[in-house]
Amino acid sequence: MNDADTRTGERARRRPTSERRGGTGGGQSRLTAVQAARTAVEQLVELTGRRLESVVGIRSEDEKFVVVIEAVEDPRVPSTADVMAEYEVELDEQGELLAYRRTSRYVRGSTDDG
């Protein structure tokens, strides 16, 4: 990657979220599932400061997206003992945060078959 590519990427990151999605301020278009997931990750990191592991689910319901994200809640040594959490992040059709909440906590590697 050259310096011009780096500067372009930095400008894109500094732009407001709605501009990065291609919105013009007027009739903004509905987010795609991928855009909703990326936006939810960005906003959850900003709000919680947690290290996020992955997006584990996404659904569209009633003109909003609900994104389920797995995060490291309490890092441990060894990492197999990390306390993990799942968060649900709700976004409206334009990607604005409506709500988020922690839905569960568990030890990394545990299963639902308990």
PDB file of N, CA and C in Angstrom:
ATOM      1  N   MET A   1       0.850  -1.162   0.000  1.00  0.00           N
ATOM      2  CA  MET A   1       0.000   0.000   0.000  1.00  0.00           C
ATOM      3  C   MET A   1       0.897   1.226   0.000  1.00  0.00           C
ATOM      4  N   ASN A   2       0.549   2.227  -0.794  1.00  0.00           N
ATOM      5  CA  ASN A   2       1.377   3.422  -0.838  1.00  0.00           C
ATOM      6  C   ASN A   2       0.798   4.523   0.042  1.00  0.00           C
ATOM      7  N   ASP A   3       1.508   5.669   0.123  1.00  0.00           N
ATOM      8  CA  ASP A   3       1.080   6.762   0.996  1.00  0.00           C
ATOM      9  C   ASP A   3      -0.275   7.321   0.608  1.00  0.00           C
ATOM     10  N   ALA A   4      -0.568   7.374  -0.686  1.00  0.00           N
ATOM     11  CA  ALA A   4      -1.864   7.893  -1.138  1.00  0.00           C
ATOM     12  C   ALA A   4      -2.993   6.998  -0.656  1.00  0.00           C
ATOM     13  N   ASP A   5      -2.796   5.666  -0.707  1.00  0.00           N
ATOM     14  CA  ASP A   5      -3.818   4.738  -0.220  1.00  0.00           C
ATOM     15  C   ASP A   5      -4.041   4.928   1.272  1.00  0.00           C
ATOM     16  N   THR A   6      -2.969   5.117   2.019  1.00  0.00           N
ATOM     17  CA  THR A   6      -3.068   5.298   3.462  1.00  0.00           C
ATOM     18  C   THR A   6      -3.837   6.565   3.789  1.00  0.00           C
ATOM     19  N   ARG A   7      -3.531   7.673   3.091  1.00  0.00           N
ATOM     20  CA  ARG A   7      -4.231   8.937   3.347  1.00  0.00           C
ATOM     21  C   ARG A   7      -5.704   8.820   3.002  1.00  0.00           C
ATOM     22  N   THR A   8      -6.031   8.136   1.920  1.00  0.00           N
ATOM     23  CA  THR A   8      -7.430   7.950   1.532  1.00  0.00           C
ATOM     24  C   THR A   8      -8.170   7.167   2.601  1.00  0.00           C
ATOM     25  N   GLY A   9      -7.558   6.104   3.115  1.00  0.00           N
ATOM     26  CA  GLY A   9      -8.176   5.307   4.169  1.00  0.00           C
ATOM     27  C   GLY A   9      -8.383   6.109   5.438  1.00  0.00           C
ATOM     28  N   GLU A  10      -7.411   6.968   5.784  1.00  0.00           N
ATOM     29  CA  GLU A  10      -7.532   7.792   6.980  1.00  0.00           C
ATOM     30  C   GLU A  10      -8.658   8.800   6.843  1.00  0.00           C
ATOM     31  N   ARG A  11      -8.797   9.405   5.646  1.00  0.00           N
ATOM     32  CA  ARG A  11      -9.898  10.357   5.428  1.00  0.00           C
ATOM     33  C   ARG A  11     -11.238   9.656   5.546  1.00  0.00           C
ATOM     34  N   ALA A  12     -11.341   8.434   5.030  1.00  0.00           N
ATOM     35  CA  ALA A  12     -12.603   7.692   5.099  1.00  0.00           C
ATOM     36  C   ALA A  12     -12.962   7.385   6.547  1.00  0.00           C
ATOM     37  N   ARG A  13     -11.977   7.063   7.372  1.00  0.00           N
ATOM     38  CA  ARG A  13     -12.253   6.756   8.776  1.00  0.00           C
ATOM     39  C   ARG A  13     -12.675   7.992   9.557  1.00  0.00           C
ATOM     40  N   ARG A  14     -12.213   9.175   9.131  1.00  0.00           N
ATOM     41  CA  ARG A  14     -12.558  10.398   9.854  1.00  0.00           C
ATOM     42  C   ARG A  14     -13.915  10.944   9.450  1.00  0.00           C
ATOM     43  N   ARG A  15     -14.465  10.509   8.315  1.00  0.00           N
ATOM     44  CA  ARG A  15     -15.768  10.990   7.873  1.00  0.00           C
ATOM     45  C   ARG A  15     -16.868  10.465   8.774  1.00  0.00           C
ATOM     46  N   PRO A  16     -17.950  11.216   8.941  1.00  0.00           N
ATOM     47  CA  PRO A  16     -19.081  10.707   9.718  1.00  0.00           C
ATOM     48  C   PRO A  16     -19.585   9.394   9.148  1.00  0.00           C
ATOM     49  N   THR A  17     -20.142   8.549  10.008  1.00  0.00           N
ATOM     50  CA  THR A  17     -20.604   7.227   9.609  1.00  0.00           C
ATOM     51  C   THR A  17     -21.566   7.294   8.435  1.00  0.00           C
ATOM     52  N   SER A  18     -22.490   8.254   8.441  1.00  0.00           N
ATOM     53  CA  SER A  18     -23.477   8.336   7.365  1.00  0.00           C
ATOM     54  C   SER A  18     -22.818   8.612   6.019  1.00  0.00           C
ATOM     55  N   GLU A  19     -21.724   9.388   6.003  1.00  0.00           N
ATOM     56  CA  GLU A  19     -21.022   9.649   4.750  1.00  0.00           C
ATOM     57  C   GLU A  19     -20.304   8.403   4.256  1.00  0.00           C
ATOM     58  N   ARG A  20     -19.724   7.605   5.180  1.00  0.00           N
ATOM     59  CA  ARG A  20     -19.024   6.393   4.759  1.00  0.00           C
ATOM     60  C   ARG A  20     -19.994   5.417   4.118  1.00  0.00           C
ATOM     61  N   ARG A  21     -21.278   5.458   4.517  1.00  0.00           N
ATOM     62  CA  ARG A  21     -22.271   4.561   3.960  1.00  0.00           C
ATOM     63  C   ARG A  21     -22.811   5.066   2.640  1.00  0.00           C
ATOM     64  N   GLY A  22     -22.417   6.247   2.238  1.00  0.00           N
ATOM     65  CA  GLY A  22     -22.879   6.760   0.963  1.00  0.00           C
ATOM     66  C   GLY A  22     -24.121   7.611   1.075  1.00  0.00           C
ATOM     67  N   GLY A  23     -24.537   7.932   2.300  1.00  0.00           N
ATOM     68  CA  GLY A  23     -25.709   8.777   2.481  1.00  0.00           C
ATOM     69  C   GLY A  23     -25.400  10.193   2.073  1.00  0.00           C
ATOM     70  N   THR A  24     -26.407  10.905   1.572  1.00  0.00           N
ATOM     71  CA  THR A  24     -26.203  12.274   1.139  1.00  0.00           C
ATOM     72  C   THR A  24     -26.904  13.247   2.047  1.00  0.00           C
ATOM     73  N   GLY A  25     -27.465  12.739   3.147  1.00  0.00           N
ATOM     74  CA  GLY A  25     -28.182  13.614   4.054  1.00  0.00           C
ATOM     75  C   GLY A  25     -29.660  13.620   3.747  1.00  0.00           C
ATOM     76  N   GLY A  26     -30.018  13.501   2.482  1.00  0.00           N
ATOM     77  CA  GLY A  26     -31.421  13.453   2.081  1.00  0.00           C
ATOM     78  C   GLY A  26     -31.950  12.065   2.348  1.00  0.00           C
ATOM     79  N   GLY A  27     -32.648  11.482   1.413  1.00  0.00           N
ATOM     80  CA  GLY A  27     -33.217  10.158   1.587  1.00  0.00           C
ATOM     81  C   GLY A  27     -32.139   9.099   1.628  1.00  0.00           C
ATOM     82  N   GLN A  28     -31.621   8.846   2.813  1.00  0.00           N
ATOM     83  CA  GLN A  28     -30.567   7.843   2.939  1.00  0.00           C
ATOM     84  C   GLN A  28     -31.134   6.465   2.653  1.00  0.00           C
ATOM     85  N   SER A  29     -30.312   5.628   2.061  1.00  0.00           N
ATOM     86  CA  SER A  29     -30.749   4.283   1.726  1.00  0.00           C
ATOM     87  C   SER A  29     -30.607   3.362   2.922  1.00  0.00           C
ATOM     88  N   ARG A  30     -31.344   2.282   2.885  1.00  0.00           N
ATOM     89  CA  ARG A  30     -31.311   1.281   3.949  1.00  0.00           C
ATOM     90  C   ARG A  30     -29.959   0.579   3.950  1.00  0.00           C
ATOM     91  N   LEU A  31     -29.455   0.284   5.140  1.00  0.00           N
ATOM     92  CA  LEU A  31     -28.205  -0.456   5.286  1.00  0.00           C
ATOM     93  C   LEU A  31     -28.344  -1.876   4.763  1.00  0.00           C
ATOM     94  N   THR A  32     -27.243  -2.434   4.321  1.00  0.00           N
ATOM     95  CA  THR A  32     -27.192  -3.868   4.065  1.00  0.00           C
ATOM     96  C   THR A  32     -26.824  -4.545   5.378  1.00  0.00           C
ATOM     97  N   ALA A  33     -26.973  -5.849   5.441  1.00  0.00           N
ATOM     98  CA  ALA A  33     -26.611  -6.596   6.649  1.00  0.00           C
ATOM     99  C   ALA A  33     -25.125  -6.439   6.963  1.00  0.00           C
ATOM    100  N   VAL A  34     -24.284  -6.470   5.951  1.00  0.00           N
ATOM    101  CA  VAL A  34     -22.837  -6.329   6.162  1.00  0.00           C
ATOM    102  C   VAL A  34     -22.514  -4.941   6.714  1.00  0.00           C
ATOM    103  N   GLN A  35     -23.127  -3.902   6.161  1.00  0.00           N
ATOM    104  CA  GLN A  35     -22.900  -2.547   6.664  1.00  0.00           C
ATOM    105  C   GLN A  35     -23.388  -2.415   8.109  1.00  0.00           C
ATOM    106  N   ALA A  36     -24.527  -3.027   8.414  1.00  0.00           N
ATOM    107  CA  ALA A  36     -25.061  -2.979   9.775  1.00  0.00           C
ATOM    108  C   ALA A  36     -24.100  -3.656  10.747  1.00  0.00           C
ATOM    109  N   ALA A  37     -23.548  -4.797  10.359  1.00  0.00           N
ATOM    110  CA  ALA A  37     -22.610  -5.509  11.227  1.00  0.00           C
ATOM    111  C   ALA A  37     -21.368  -4.660  11.478  1.00  0.00           C
ATOM    112  N   ARG A  38     -20.815  -4.069  10.439  1.00  0.00           N
ATOM    113  CA  ARG A  38     -19.617  -3.227  10.604  1.00  0.00           C
ATOM    114  C   ARG A  38     -19.908  -2.026  11.506  1.00  0.00           C
ATOM    115  N   THR A  39     -21.032  -1.393  11.292  1.00  0.00           N
ATOM    116  CA  THR A  39     -21.401  -0.230  12.088  1.00  0.00           C
ATOM    117  C   THR A  39     -21.615  -0.613  13.543  1.00  0.00           C
ATOM    118  N   ALA A  40     -22.273  -1.740  13.789  1.00  0.00           N
ATOM    119  CA  ALA A  40     -22.512  -2.203  15.155  1.00  0.00           C
ATOM    120  C   ALA A  40     -21.191  -2.469  15.868  1.00  0.00           C
ATOM    121  N   VAL A  41     -20.244  -3.096  15.185  1.00  0.00           N
ATOM    122  CA  VAL A  41     -18.926  -3.377  15.770  1.00  0.00           C
ATOM    123  C   VAL A  41     -18.234  -2.066  16.137  1.00  0.00           C
ATOM    124  N   GLU A  42     -18.211  -1.107  15.212  1.00  0.00           N
ATOM    125  CA  GLU A  42     -17.566   0.182  15.475  1.00  0.00           C
ATOM    126  C   GLU A  42     -18.165   0.851  16.712  1.00  0.00           C
ATOM    127  N   GLN A  43     -19.494   0.858  16.790  1.00  0.00           N
ATOM    128  CA  GLN A  43     -20.146   1.565  17.879  1.00  0.00           C
ATOM    129  C   GLN A  43     -19.984   0.836  19.214  1.00  0.00           C
ATOM    130  N   LEU A  44     -20.017  -0.493  19.198  1.00  0.00           N
ATOM    131  CA  LEU A  44     -19.854  -1.243  20.439  1.00  0.00           C
ATOM    132  C   LEU A  44     -18.438  -1.085  20.998  1.00  0.00           C
ATOM    133  N   VAL A  45     -17.442  -1.098  20.138  1.00  0.00           N
ATOM    134  CA  VAL A  45     -16.060  -0.871  20.588  1.00  0.00           C
ATOM    135  C   VAL A  45     -15.942   0.511  21.209  1.00  0.00           C
ATOM    136  N   GLU A  46     -16.534   1.510  20.562  1.00  0.00           N
ATOM    137  CA  GLU A  46     -16.456   2.873  21.078  1.00  0.00           C
ATOM    138  C   GLU A  46     -17.137   2.992  22.440  1.00  0.00           C
ATOM    139  N   LEU A  47     -18.262   2.322  22.621  1.00  0.00           N
ATOM    140  CA  LEU A  47     -19.016   2.425  23.871  1.00  0.00           C
ATOM    141  C   LEU A  47     -18.414   1.613  25.014  1.00  0.00           C
ATOM    142  N   THR A  48     -17.911   0.417  24.718  1.00  0.00           N
ATOM    143  CA  THR A  48     -17.464  -0.482  25.777  1.00  0.00           C
ATOM    144  C   THR A  48     -15.957  -0.574  25.924  1.00  0.00           C
ATOM    145  N   GLY A  49     -15.224  -0.346  24.853  1.00  0.00           N
ATOM    146  CA  GLY A  49     -13.777  -0.514  24.883  1.00  0.00           C
ATOM    147  C   GLY A  49     -13.347  -1.973  24.938  1.00  0.00           C
ATOM    148  N   ARG A  50     -14.267  -2.882  24.795  1.00  0.00           N
ATOM    149  CA  ARG A  50     -13.968  -4.319  24.859  1.00  0.00           C
ATOM    150  C   ARG A  50     -13.311  -4.795  23.562  1.00  0.00           C
ATOM    151  N   ARG A  51     -12.566  -5.891  23.683  1.00  0.00           N
ATOM    152  CA  ARG A  51     -12.000  -6.555  22.507  1.00  0.00           C
ATOM    153  C   ARG A  51     -13.089  -7.467  21.946  1.00  0.00           C
ATOM    154  N   LEU A  52     -13.487  -7.202  20.727  1.00  0.00           N
ATOM    155  CA  LEU A  52     -14.548  -7.990  20.114  1.00  0.00           C
ATOM    156  C   LEU A  52     -13.960  -9.148  19.338  1.00  0.00           C
ATOM    157  N   GLU A  53     -14.605 -10.295  19.439  1.00  0.00           N
ATOM    158  CA  GLU A  53     -14.132 -11.509  18.777  1.00  0.00           C
ATOM    159  C   GLU A  53     -14.769 -11.685  17.413  1.00  0.00           C
ATOM    160  N   SER A  54     -16.108 -11.628  17.354  1.00  0.00           N
ATOM    161  CA  SER A  54     -16.766 -11.871  16.066  1.00  0.00           C
ATOM    162  C   SER A  54     -18.231 -11.476  16.120  1.00  0.00           C
ATOM    163  N   VAL A  55     -18.789 -11.308  14.932  1.00  0.00           N
ATOM    164  CA  VAL A  55     -20.231 -11.149  14.788  1.00  0.00           C
ATOM    165  C   VAL A  55     -20.777 -12.562  14.697  1.00  0.00           C
ATOM    166  N   VAL A  56     -21.677 -12.919  15.607  1.00  0.00           N
ATOM    167  CA  VAL A  56     -22.188 -14.291  15.633  1.00  0.00           C
ATOM    168  C   VAL A  56     -23.634 -14.381  15.164  1.00  0.00           C
ATOM    169  N   GLY A  57     -24.247 -13.238  14.887  1.00  0.00           N
ATOM    170  CA  GLY A  57     -25.607 -13.268  14.370  1.00  0.00           C
ATOM    171  C   GLY A  57     -26.061 -11.899  13.934  1.00  0.00           C
ATOM    172  N   ILE A  58     -26.996 -11.882  12.994  1.00  0.00           N
ATOM    173  CA  ILE A  58     -27.601 -10.629  12.542  1.00  0.00           C
ATOM    174  C   ILE A  58     -28.990 -10.949  12.011  1.00  0.00           C
ATOM    175  N   ARG A  59     -29.931 -10.073  12.353  1.00  0.00           N
ATOM    176  CA  ARG A  59     -31.279 -10.247  11.817  1.00  0.00           C
ATOM    177  C   ARG A  59     -31.897  -8.870  11.601  1.00  0.00           C
ATOM    178  N   SER A  60     -32.835  -8.839  10.678  1.00  0.00           N
ATOM    179  CA  SER A  60     -33.574  -7.628  10.391  1.00  0.00           C
ATOM    180  C   SER A  60     -34.984  -7.821  10.920  1.00  0.00           C
ATOM    181  N   GLU A  61     -35.453  -6.853  11.706  1.00  0.00           N
ATOM    182  CA  GLU A  61     -36.810  -6.954  12.237  1.00  0.00           C
ATOM    183  C   GLU A  61     -37.381  -5.562  12.463  1.00  0.00           C
ATOM    184  N   ASP A  62     -38.618  -5.372  12.067  1.00  0.00           N
ATOM    185  CA  ASP A  62     -39.332  -4.112  12.313  1.00  0.00           C
ATOM    186  C   ASP A  62     -38.508  -2.875  11.986  1.00  0.00           C
ATOM    187  N   GLU A  63     -37.982  -2.799  10.782  1.00  0.00           N
ATOM    188  CA  GLU A  63     -37.233  -1.636  10.302  1.00  0.00           C
ATOM    189  C   GLU A  63     -35.975  -1.348  11.118  1.00  0.00           C
ATOM    190  N   LYS A  64     -35.366  -2.410  11.652  1.00  0.00           N
ATOM    191  CA  LYS A  64     -34.089  -2.254  12.358  1.00  0.00           C
ATOM    192  C   LYS A  64     -33.272  -3.527  12.182  1.00  0.00           C
ATOM    193  N   PHE A  65     -31.983  -3.411  12.474  1.00  0.00           N
ATOM    194  CA  PHE A  65     -31.095  -4.566  12.491  1.00  0.00           C
ATOM    195  C   PHE A  65     -30.721  -4.862  13.936  1.00  0.00           C
ATOM    196  N   VAL A  66     -30.647  -6.142  14.263  1.00  0.00           N
ATOM    197  CA  VAL A  66     -30.135  -6.586  15.554  1.00  0.00           C
ATOM    198  C   VAL A  66     -28.896  -7.420  15.257  1.00  0.00           C
ATOM    199  N   VAL A  67     -27.745  -6.963  15.752  1.00  0.00           N
ATOM    200  CA  VAL A  67     -26.471  -7.622  15.505  1.00  0.00           C
ATOM    201  C   VAL A  67     -25.990  -8.212  16.828  1.00  0.00           C
ATOM    202  N   VAL A  68     -25.628  -9.504  16.818  1.00  0.00           N
ATOM    203  CA  VAL A  68     -25.130 -10.174  18.011  1.00  0.00           C
ATOM    204  C   VAL A  68     -23.610 -10.299  17.865  1.00  0.00           C
ATOM    205  N   ILE A  69     -22.896  -9.773  18.861  1.00  0.00           N
ATOM    206  CA  ILE A  69     -21.435  -9.701  18.805  1.00  0.00           C
ATOM    207  C   ILE A  69     -20.852 -10.369  20.039  1.00  0.00           C
ATOM    208  N   GLU A  70     -19.825 -11.198  19.823  1.00  0.00           N
ATOM    209  CA  GLU A  70     -19.119 -11.870  20.913  1.00  0.00           C
ATOM    210  C   GLU A  70     -17.906 -11.023  21.304  1.00  0.00           C
ATOM    211  N   ALA A  71     -17.719 -10.832  22.616  1.00  0.00           N
ATOM    212  CA  ALA A  71     -16.630  -9.995  23.118  1.00  0.00           C
ATOM    213  C   ALA A  71     -15.917 -10.685  24.271  1.00  0.00           C
ATOM    214  N   VAL A  72     -14.655 -10.302  24.493  1.00  0.00           N
ATOM    215  CA  VAL A  72     -13.916 -10.761  25.663  1.00  0.00           C
ATOM    216  C   VAL A  72     -14.297  -9.832  26.807  1.00  0.00           C
ATOM    217  N   GLU A  73     -14.988 -10.374  27.792  1.00  0.00           N
ATOM    218  CA  GLU A  73     -15.468  -9.582  28.930  1.00  0.00           C
ATOM    219  C   GLU A  73     -14.382  -9.467  30.001  1.00  0.00           C
ATOM    220  N   ASP A  74     -13.661 -10.562  30.260  1.00  0.00           N
ATOM    221  CA  ASP A  74     -12.632 -10.580  31.283  1.00  0.00           C
ATOM    222  C   ASP A  74     -11.510 -11.518  30.821  1.00  0.00           C
ATOM    223  N   PRO A  75     -10.433 -10.957  30.263  1.00  0.00           N
ATOM    224  CA  PRO A  75      -9.342 -11.802  29.768  1.00  0.00           C
ATOM    225  C   PRO A  75      -8.642 -12.536  30.913  1.00  0.00           C
ATOM    226  N   ARG A  76      -8.289 -13.779  30.662  1.00  0.00           N
ATOM    227  CA  ARG A  76      -7.608 -14.611  31.665  1.00  0.00           C
ATOM    228  C   ARG A  76      -6.411 -15.306  31.033  1.00  0.00           C
ATOM    229  N   VAL A  77      -5.567 -15.873  31.875  1.00  0.00           N
ATOM    230  CA  VAL A  77      -4.456 -16.700  31.431  1.00  0.00           C
ATOM    231  C   VAL A  77      -4.682 -18.076  32.035  1.00  0.00           C
ATOM    232  N   PRO A  78      -4.775 -19.109  31.207  1.00  0.00           N
ATOM    233  CA  PRO A  78      -4.702 -19.125  29.747  1.00  0.00           C
ATOM    234  C   PRO A  78      -5.993 -18.580  29.138  1.00  0.00           C
ATOM    235  N   SER A  79      -5.937 -18.258  27.841  1.00  0.00           N
ATOM    236  CA  SER A  79      -7.081 -17.637  27.173  1.00  0.00           C
ATOM    237  C   SER A  79      -8.313 -18.544  27.143  1.00  0.00           C
ATOM    238  N   THR A  80      -8.118 -19.837  27.334  1.00  0.00           N
ATOM    239  CA  THR A  80      -9.269 -20.743  27.376  1.00  0.00           C
ATOM    240  C   THR A  80     -10.147 -20.476  28.598  1.00  0.00           C
ATOM    241  N   ALA A  81      -9.640 -19.711  29.562  1.00  0.00           N
ATOM    242  CA  ALA A  81     -10.411 -19.354  30.750  1.00  0.00           C
ATOM    243  C   ALA A  81     -11.049 -17.962  30.641  1.00  0.00           C
ATOM    244  N   ASP A  82     -10.882 -17.280  29.490  1.00  0.00           N
ATOM    245  CA  ASP A  82     -11.485 -15.959  29.301  1.00  0.00           C
ATOM    246  C   ASP A  82     -12.979 -16.001  29.584  1.00  0.00           C
ATOM    247  N   VAL A  83     -13.479 -14.950  30.213  1.00  0.00           N
ATOM    248  CA  VAL A  83     -14.925 -14.792  30.349  1.00  0.00           C
ATOM    249  C   VAL A  83     -15.394 -14.016  29.125  1.00  0.00           C
ATOM    250  N   MET A  84     -16.318 -14.606  28.395  1.00  0.00           N
ATOM    251  CA  MET A  84     -16.836 -14.039  27.157  1.00  0.00           C
ATOM    252  C   MET A  84     -18.237 -13.489  27.396  1.00  0.00           C
ATOM    253  N   ALA A  85     -18.693 -12.658  26.488  1.00  0.00           N
ATOM    254  CA  ALA A  85     -20.054 -12.132  26.563  1.00  0.00           C
ATOM    255  C   ALA A  85     -20.607 -11.975  25.157  1.00  0.00           C
ATOM    256  N   GLU A  86     -21.917 -12.063  25.065  1.00  0.00           N
ATOM    257  CA  GLU A  86     -22.596 -11.736  23.817  1.00  0.00           C
ATOM    258  C   GLU A  86     -23.406 -10.474  24.044  1.00  0.00           C
ATOM    259  N   TYR A  87     -23.302  -9.557  23.087  1.00  0.00           N
ATOM    260  CA  TYR A  87     -24.045  -8.303  23.117  1.00  0.00           C
ATOM    261  C   TYR A  87     -24.976  -8.255  21.914  1.00  0.00           C
ATOM    262  N   GLU A  88     -26.172  -7.728  22.123  1.00  0.00           N
ATOM    263  CA  GLU A  88     -27.086  -7.424  21.025  1.00  0.00           C
ATOM    264  C   GLU A  88     -27.053  -5.916  20.810  1.00  0.00           C
ATOM    265  N   VAL A  89     -26.810  -5.531  19.566  1.00  0.00           N
ATOM    266  CA  VAL A  89     -26.760  -4.122  19.206  1.00  0.00           C
ATOM    267  C   VAL A  89     -27.887  -3.871  18.219  1.00  0.00           C
ATOM    268  N   GLU A  90     -28.750  -2.895  18.511  1.00  0.00           N
ATOM    269  CA  GLU A  90     -29.862  -2.552  17.629  1.00  0.00           C
ATOM    270  C   GLU A  90     -29.542  -1.264  16.894  1.00  0.00           C
ATOM    271  N   LEU A  91     -29.714  -1.311  15.570  1.00  0.00           N
ATOM    272  CA  LEU A  91     -29.492  -0.145  14.708  1.00  0.00           C
ATOM    273  C   LEU A  91     -30.742   0.118  13.902  1.00  0.00           C
ATOM    274  N   ASP A  92     -31.024   1.399  13.622  1.00  0.00           N
ATOM    275  CA  ASP A  92     -32.133   1.689  12.724  1.00  0.00           C
ATOM    276  C   ASP A  92     -31.678   1.478  11.278  1.00  0.00           C
ATOM    277  N   GLU A  93     -32.563   1.743  10.330  1.00  0.00           N
ATOM    278  CA  GLU A  93     -32.264   1.477   8.919  1.00  0.00           C
ATOM    279  C   GLU A  93     -31.100   2.293   8.376  1.00  0.00           C
ATOM    280  N   GLN A  94     -30.784   3.419   9.013  1.00  0.00           N
ATOM    281  CA  GLN A  94     -29.663   4.256   8.564  1.00  0.00           C
ATOM    282  C   GLN A  94     -28.383   3.982   9.343  1.00  0.00           C
ATOM    283  N   GLY A  95     -28.429   3.056  10.302  1.00  0.00           N
ATOM    284  CA  GLY A  95     -27.232   2.695  11.054  1.00  0.00           C
ATOM    285  C   GLY A  95     -27.050   3.448  12.350  1.00  0.00           C
ATOM    286  N   GLU A  96     -28.066   4.185  12.775  1.00  0.00           N
ATOM    287  CA  GLU A  96     -27.975   4.892  14.050  1.00  0.00           C
ATOM    288  C   GLU A  96     -28.256   3.920  15.186  1.00  0.00           C
ATOM    289  N   LEU A  97     -27.456   4.007  16.244  1.00  0.00           N
ATOM    290  CA  LEU A  97     -27.596   3.131  17.391  1.00  0.00           C
ATOM    291  C   LEU A  97     -28.906   3.410  18.109  1.00  0.00           C
ATOM    292  N   LEU A  98     -29.704   2.375  18.305  1.00  0.00           N
ATOM    293  CA  LEU A  98     -30.938   2.481  19.077  1.00  0.00           C
ATOM    294  C   LEU A  98     -30.725   1.976  20.494  1.00  0.00           C
ATOM    295  N   ALA A  99     -30.001   0.848  20.631  1.00  0.00           N
ATOM    296  CA  ALA A  99     -29.773   0.250  21.943  1.00  0.00           C
ATOM    297  C   ALA A  99     -28.714  -0.832  21.828  1.00  0.00           C
ATOM    298  N   TYR A 100     -28.138  -1.165  22.976  1.00  0.00           N
ATOM    299  CA  TYR A 100     -27.301  -2.350  23.061  1.00  0.00           C
ATOM    300  C   TYR A 100     -27.444  -2.926  24.450  1.00  0.00           C
ATOM    301  N   ARG A 101     -27.226  -4.249  24.565  1.00  0.00           N
ATOM    302  CA  ARG A 101     -27.294  -4.889  25.875  1.00  0.00           C
ATOM    303  C   ARG A 101     -26.505  -6.181  25.858  1.00  0.00           C
ATOM    304  N   ARG A 102     -25.969  -6.530  27.021  1.00  0.00           N
ATOM    305  CA  ARG A 102     -25.277  -7.809  27.168  1.00  0.00           C
ATOM    306  C   ARG A 102     -26.346  -8.864  27.423  1.00  0.00           C
ATOM    307  N   THR A 103     -26.322  -9.933  26.631  1.00  0.00           N
ATOM    308  CA  THR A 103     -27.356 -10.959  26.764  1.00  0.00           C
ATOM    309  C   THR A 103     -26.867 -12.192  27.495  1.00  0.00           C
ATOM    310  N   SER A 104     -25.551 -12.429  27.524  1.00  0.00           N
ATOM    311  CA  SER A 104     -25.034 -13.599  28.236  1.00  0.00           C
ATOM    312  C   SER A 104     -23.555 -13.444  28.534  1.00  0.00           C
ATOM    313  N   ARG A 105     -23.106 -14.218  29.522  1.00  0.00           N
ATOM    314  CA  ARG A 105     -21.687 -14.331  29.859  1.00  0.00           C
ATOM    315  C   ARG A 105     -21.374 -15.804  30.032  1.00  0.00           C
ATOM    316  N   TYR A 106     -20.174 -16.207  29.654  1.00  0.00           N
ATOM    317  CA  TYR A 106     -19.782 -17.613  29.723  1.00  0.00           C
ATOM    318  C   TYR A 106     -18.273 -17.716  29.616  1.00  0.00           C
ATOM    319  N   VAL A 107     -17.747 -18.865  30.001  1.00  0.00           N
ATOM    320  CA  VAL A 107     -16.316 -19.123  29.872  1.00  0.00           C
ATOM    321  C   VAL A 107     -16.044 -19.597  28.450  1.00  0.00           C
ATOM    322  N   ARG A 108     -14.988 -19.051  27.854  1.00  0.00           N
ATOM    323  CA  ARG A 108     -14.635 -19.420  26.475  1.00  0.00           C
ATOM    324  C   ARG A 108     -14.561 -20.944  26.355  1.00  0.00           C
ATOM    325  N   GLY A 109     -15.129 -21.456  25.297  1.00  0.00           N
ATOM    326  CA  GLY A 109     -15.070 -22.886  25.040  1.00  0.00           C
ATOM    327  C   GLY A 109     -16.201 -23.679  25.660  1.00  0.00           C
ATOM    328  N   SER A 110     -17.007 -23.049  26.521  1.00  0.00           N
ATOM    329  CA  SER A 110     -18.142 -23.773  27.074  1.00  0.00           C
ATOM    330  C   SER A 110     -19.198 -23.923  25.985  1.00  0.00           C
ATOM    331  N   THR A 111     -20.031 -24.928  26.142  1.00  0.00           N
ATOM    332  CA  THR A 111     -21.064 -25.172  25.140  1.00  0.00           C
ATOM    333  C   THR A 111     -22.446 -25.014  25.744  1.00  0.00           C
ATOM    334  N   ASP A 112     -23.441 -24.939  24.886  1.00  0.00           N
ATOM    335  CA  ASP A 112     -24.826 -24.837  25.337  1.00  0.00           C
ATOM    336  C   ASP A 112     -25.376 -26.183  25.786  1.00  0.00           C
ATOM    337  N   ASP A 113     -24.628 -27.263  25.605  1.00  0.00           N
ATOM    338  CA  ASP A 113     -25.101 -28.609  25.893  1.00  0.00           C
ATOM    339  C   ASP A 113     -24.907 -29.012  27.349  1.00  0.00           C
ATOM    340  N   GLY A 114     -24.869 -28.054  28.276  1.00  0.00           N
ATOM    341  CA  GLY A 114     -24.533 -28.291  29.662  1.00  0.00           C
ATOM    342  C   GLY A 114     -25.499 -29.082  30.394  1.00  0.00           C
TER     343      GLY A 114
END
